PDB file of N, CA and C in Angstrom:
ATOM      1  N   MET A   1       0.938  -1.201  -0.048  1.00  0.00           N
ATOM      2  CA  MET A   1      -0.033  -0.079   0.001  1.00  0.00           C
ATOM      3  C   MET A   1       0.890   1.241   0.001  1.00  0.00           C
ATOM      4  N   TYR A   2       1.860   1.209   0.713  1.00  0.00           N
ATOM      5  CA  TYR A   2       2.765   2.378   0.835  1.00  0.00           C
ATOM      6  C   TYR A   2       3.407   2.679  -0.571  1.00  0.00           C
ATOM      7  N   TYR A   3       3.681   1.686  -1.385  1.00  0.00           N
ATOM      8  CA  TYR A   3       4.311   1.995  -2.646  1.00  0.00           C
ATOM      9  C   TYR A   3       3.354   2.600  -3.555  1.00  0.00           C
ATOM     10  N   ASN A   4       2.073   2.194  -3.588  1.00  0.00           N
ATOM     11  CA  ASN A   4       1.115   2.597  -4.507  1.00  0.00           C
ATOM     12  C   ASN A   4       0.320   3.941  -4.077  1.00  0.00           C
ATOM     13  N   PHE A   5       0.268   4.097  -2.697  1.00  0.00           N
ATOM     14  CA  PHE A   5      -0.571   5.303  -2.239  1.00  0.00           C
ATOM     15  C   PHE A   5       0.189   6.380  -1.612  1.00  0.00           C
ATOM     16  N   VAL A   6       1.420   6.156  -1.133  1.00  0.00           N
ATOM     17  CA  VAL A   6       2.078   7.163  -0.236  1.00  0.00           C
ATOM     18  C   VAL A   6       3.347   7.642  -0.924  1.00  0.00           C
ATOM     19  N   ARG A   7       4.287   6.699  -1.475  1.00  0.00           N
ATOM     20  CA  ARG A   7       5.434   7.015  -1.916  1.00  0.00           C
ATOM     21  C   ARG A   7       5.380   7.720  -3.288  1.00  0.00           C
ATOM     22  N   ILE A   8       6.003   8.936  -3.413  1.00  0.00           N
ATOM     23  CA  ILE A   8       5.957   9.577  -4.605  1.00  0.00           C
ATOM     24  C   ILE A   8       7.100   9.152  -5.557  1.00  0.00           C
ATOM     25  N   HIS A   9       6.813   8.696  -6.656  1.00  0.00           N
ATOM     26  CA  HIS A   9       7.675   8.049  -7.612  1.00  0.00           C
ATOM     27  C   HIS A   9       8.380   9.013  -8.478  1.00  0.00           C
ATOM     28  N   THR A  10       9.756   9.069  -8.653  1.00  0.00           N
ATOM     29  CA  THR A  10      10.506  10.096  -9.320  1.00  0.00           C
ATOM     30  C   THR A  10      10.185  10.226 -10.836  1.00  0.00           C
ATOM     31  N   THR A  11       9.745   9.121 -11.457  1.00  0.00           N
ATOM     32  CA  THR A  11       9.363   9.236 -12.853  1.00  0.00           C
ATOM     33  C   THR A  11       7.982   9.739 -12.970  1.00  0.00           C
ATOM     34  N   LEU A  12       7.139   9.478 -12.123  1.00  0.00           N
ATOM     35  CA  LEU A  12       5.662   9.900 -12.179  1.00  0.00           C
ATOM     36  C   LEU A  12       5.480  11.236 -11.617  1.00  0.00           C
ATOM     37  N   GLN A  13       6.257  11.604 -10.659  1.00  0.00           N
ATOM     38  CA  GLN A  13       6.098  12.806  -9.906  1.00  0.00           C
ATOM     39  C   GLN A  13       4.868  12.806  -9.145  1.00  0.00           C
ATOM     40  N   THR A  14       4.283  11.632  -8.881  1.00  0.00           N
ATOM     41  CA  THR A  14       3.195  11.376  -7.996  1.00  0.00           C
ATOM     42  C   THR A  14       3.132   9.828  -7.711  1.00  0.00           C
ATOM     43  N   THR A  15       2.110   9.519  -7.019  1.00  0.00           N
ATOM     44  CA  THR A  15       1.832   8.115  -6.637  1.00  0.00           C
ATOM     45  C   THR A  15       1.155   7.436  -7.740  1.00  0.00           C
ATOM     46  N   PRO A  16       1.287   6.177  -7.902  1.00  0.00           N
ATOM     47  CA  PRO A  16       0.460   5.443  -9.081  1.00  0.00           C
ATOM     48  C   PRO A  16      -1.086   5.472  -8.686  1.00  0.00           C
ATOM     49  N   ALA A  17      -1.354   5.513  -7.432  1.00  0.00           N
ATOM     50  CA  ALA A  17      -2.878   5.487  -7.232  1.00  0.00           C
ATOM     51  C   ALA A  17      -3.401   6.903  -6.929  1.00  0.00           C
ATOM     52  N   TRP A  18      -2.663   7.821  -7.417  1.00  0.00           N
ATOM     53  CA  TRP A  18      -3.106   9.297  -7.063  1.00  0.00           C
ATOM     54  C   TRP A  18      -4.646   9.686  -7.620  1.00  0.00           C
ATOM     55  N   ARG A  19      -4.922   9.070  -8.828  1.00  0.00           N
ATOM     56  CA  ARG A  19      -6.117   9.541  -9.349  1.00  0.00           C
ATOM     57  C   ARG A  19      -7.347   9.178  -8.600  1.00  0.00           C
ATOM     58  N   ASP A  20      -7.296   8.006  -7.678  1.00  0.00           N
ATOM     59  CA  ASP A  20      -8.413   7.608  -7.045  1.00  0.00           C
ATOM     60  C   ASP A  20      -8.711   8.425  -5.905  1.00  0.00           C
ATOM     61  N   ARG A  21      -7.895   9.027  -5.063  1.00  0.00           N
ATOM     62  CA  ARG A  21      -8.213   9.675  -3.991  1.00  0.00           C
ATOM     63  C   ARG A  21      -7.150  10.967  -3.640  1.00  0.00           C
ATOM     64  N   GLY A  22      -6.218  10.996  -4.384  1.00  0.00           N
ATOM     65  CA  GLY A  22      -5.192  12.043  -4.119  1.00  0.00           C
ATOM     66  C   GLY A  22      -4.056  11.432  -3.221  1.00  0.00           C
ATOM     67  N   LEU A  23      -3.150  12.296  -2.736  1.00  0.00           N
ATOM     68  CA  LEU A  23      -2.094  11.816  -1.950  1.00  0.00           C
ATOM     69  C   LEU A  23      -2.660  11.264  -0.583  1.00  0.00           C
ATOM     70  N   TRP A  24      -2.053  10.113  -0.265  1.00  0.00           N
ATOM     71  CA  TRP A  24      -2.200   9.527   1.020  1.00  0.00           C
ATOM     72  C   TRP A  24      -1.139   9.764   1.900  1.00  0.00           C
ATOM     73  N   GLU A  25      -1.384   9.804   3.227  1.00  0.00           N
ATOM     74  CA  GLU A  25      -0.408   9.770   4.273  1.00  0.00           C
ATOM     75  C   GLU A  25      -0.567   8.331   4.864  1.00  0.00           C
ATOM     76  N   MET A  26       0.559   8.137   5.832  1.00  0.00           N
ATOM     77  CA  MET A  26       0.737   6.752   6.494  1.00  0.00           C
ATOM     78  C   MET A  26      -0.586   6.663   7.393  1.00  0.00           C
ATOM     79  N   THR A  27      -1.031   7.750   7.903  1.00  0.00           N
ATOM     80  CA  THR A  27      -2.256   7.636   8.758  1.00  0.00           C
ATOM     81  C   THR A  27      -3.451   7.106   7.838  1.00  0.00           C
ATOM     82  N   ASP A  28      -3.580   7.511   6.644  1.00  0.00           N
ATOM     83  CA  ASP A  28      -4.670   7.138   5.919  1.00  0.00           C
ATOM     84  C   ASP A  28      -4.511   5.585   5.556  1.00  0.00           C
ATOM     85  N   VAL A  29      -3.378   5.111   5.330  1.00  0.00           N
ATOM     86  CA  VAL A  29      -3.068   3.722   5.198  1.00  0.00           C
ATOM     87  C   VAL A  29      -3.574   2.916   6.384  1.00  0.00           C
ATOM     88  N   VAL A  30      -3.292   3.248   7.541  1.00  0.00           N
ATOM     89  CA  VAL A  30      -3.601   2.649   8.751  1.00  0.00           C
ATOM     90  C   VAL A  30      -5.126   2.784   8.918  1.00  0.00           C
ATOM     91  N   GLU A  31      -5.607   3.762   8.752  1.00  0.00           N
ATOM     92  CA  GLU A  31      -7.164   3.844   8.806  1.00  0.00           C
ATOM     93  C   GLU A  31      -7.776   2.892   7.866  1.00  0.00           C
ATOM     94  N   ALA A  32      -7.411   2.754   6.567  1.00  0.00           N
ATOM     95  CA  ALA A  32      -7.896   1.977   5.755  1.00  0.00           C
ATOM     96  C   ALA A  32      -7.805   0.524   6.112  1.00  0.00           C
ATOM     97  N   LEU A  33      -6.620  -0.015   6.527  1.00  0.00           N
ATOM     98  CA  LEU A  33      -6.466  -1.250   7.036  1.00  0.00           C
ATOM     99  C   LEU A  33      -7.266  -1.530   8.353  1.00  0.00           C
ATOM    100  N   GLU A  34      -7.418  -0.611   9.130  1.00  0.00           N
ATOM    101  CA  GLU A  34      -8.429  -0.773  10.375  1.00  0.00           C
ATOM    102  C   GLU A  34      -9.718  -0.872   9.924  1.00  0.00           C
ATOM    103  N   VAL A  35     -10.315  -0.218   8.853  1.00  0.00           N
ATOM    104  CA  VAL A  35     -11.566  -0.452   8.405  1.00  0.00           C
ATOM    105  C   VAL A  35     -11.814  -1.858   7.783  1.00  0.00           C
ATOM    106  N   LEU A  36     -10.680  -2.217   6.949  1.00  0.00           N
ATOM    107  CA  LEU A  36     -10.831  -3.497   6.399  1.00  0.00           C
ATOM    108  C   LEU A  36     -10.871  -4.685   7.370  1.00  0.00           C
ATOM    109  N   GLU A  37     -10.061  -4.525   8.438  1.00  0.00           N
ATOM    110  CA  GLU A  37     -10.027  -5.438   9.472  1.00  0.00           C
ATOM    111  C   GLU A  37     -11.300  -5.588  10.215  1.00  0.00           C
ATOM    112  N   ALA A  38     -11.966  -4.447  10.444  1.00  0.00           N
ATOM    113  CA  ALA A  38     -13.280  -4.562  11.216  1.00  0.00           C
ATOM    114  C   ALA A  38     -14.324  -5.090  10.188  1.00  0.00           C
ATOM    115  N   TRP A  39     -14.277  -4.867   9.019  1.00  0.00           N
ATOM    116  CA  TRP A  39     -15.216  -5.264   8.007  1.00  0.00           C
ATOM    117  C   TRP A  39     -15.191  -6.714   7.973  1.00  0.00           C
ATOM    118  N   GLU A  40     -13.897  -7.386   8.081  1.00  0.00           N
ATOM    119  CA  GLU A  40     -13.667  -8.718   7.790  1.00  0.00           C
ATOM    120  C   GLU A  40     -14.235  -9.618   9.027  1.00  0.00           C
ATOM    121  N   ASN A  41     -14.218  -8.886  10.147  1.00  0.00           N
ATOM    122  CA  ASN A  41     -14.796  -9.587  11.470  1.00  0.00           C
ATOM    123  C   ASN A  41     -16.134  -9.641  11.713  1.00  0.00           C
TER     124      ASN A  41
END
């Protein structure tokens, strides 16, 4: 998730997943994982 949503790639000058939601921070990744975990239980 970090590679696609947080890390800004030098060749793209943005993240690969930027179109979906804009730039993410690590807190956004953690929140998404918590939601997914709660949904699975």
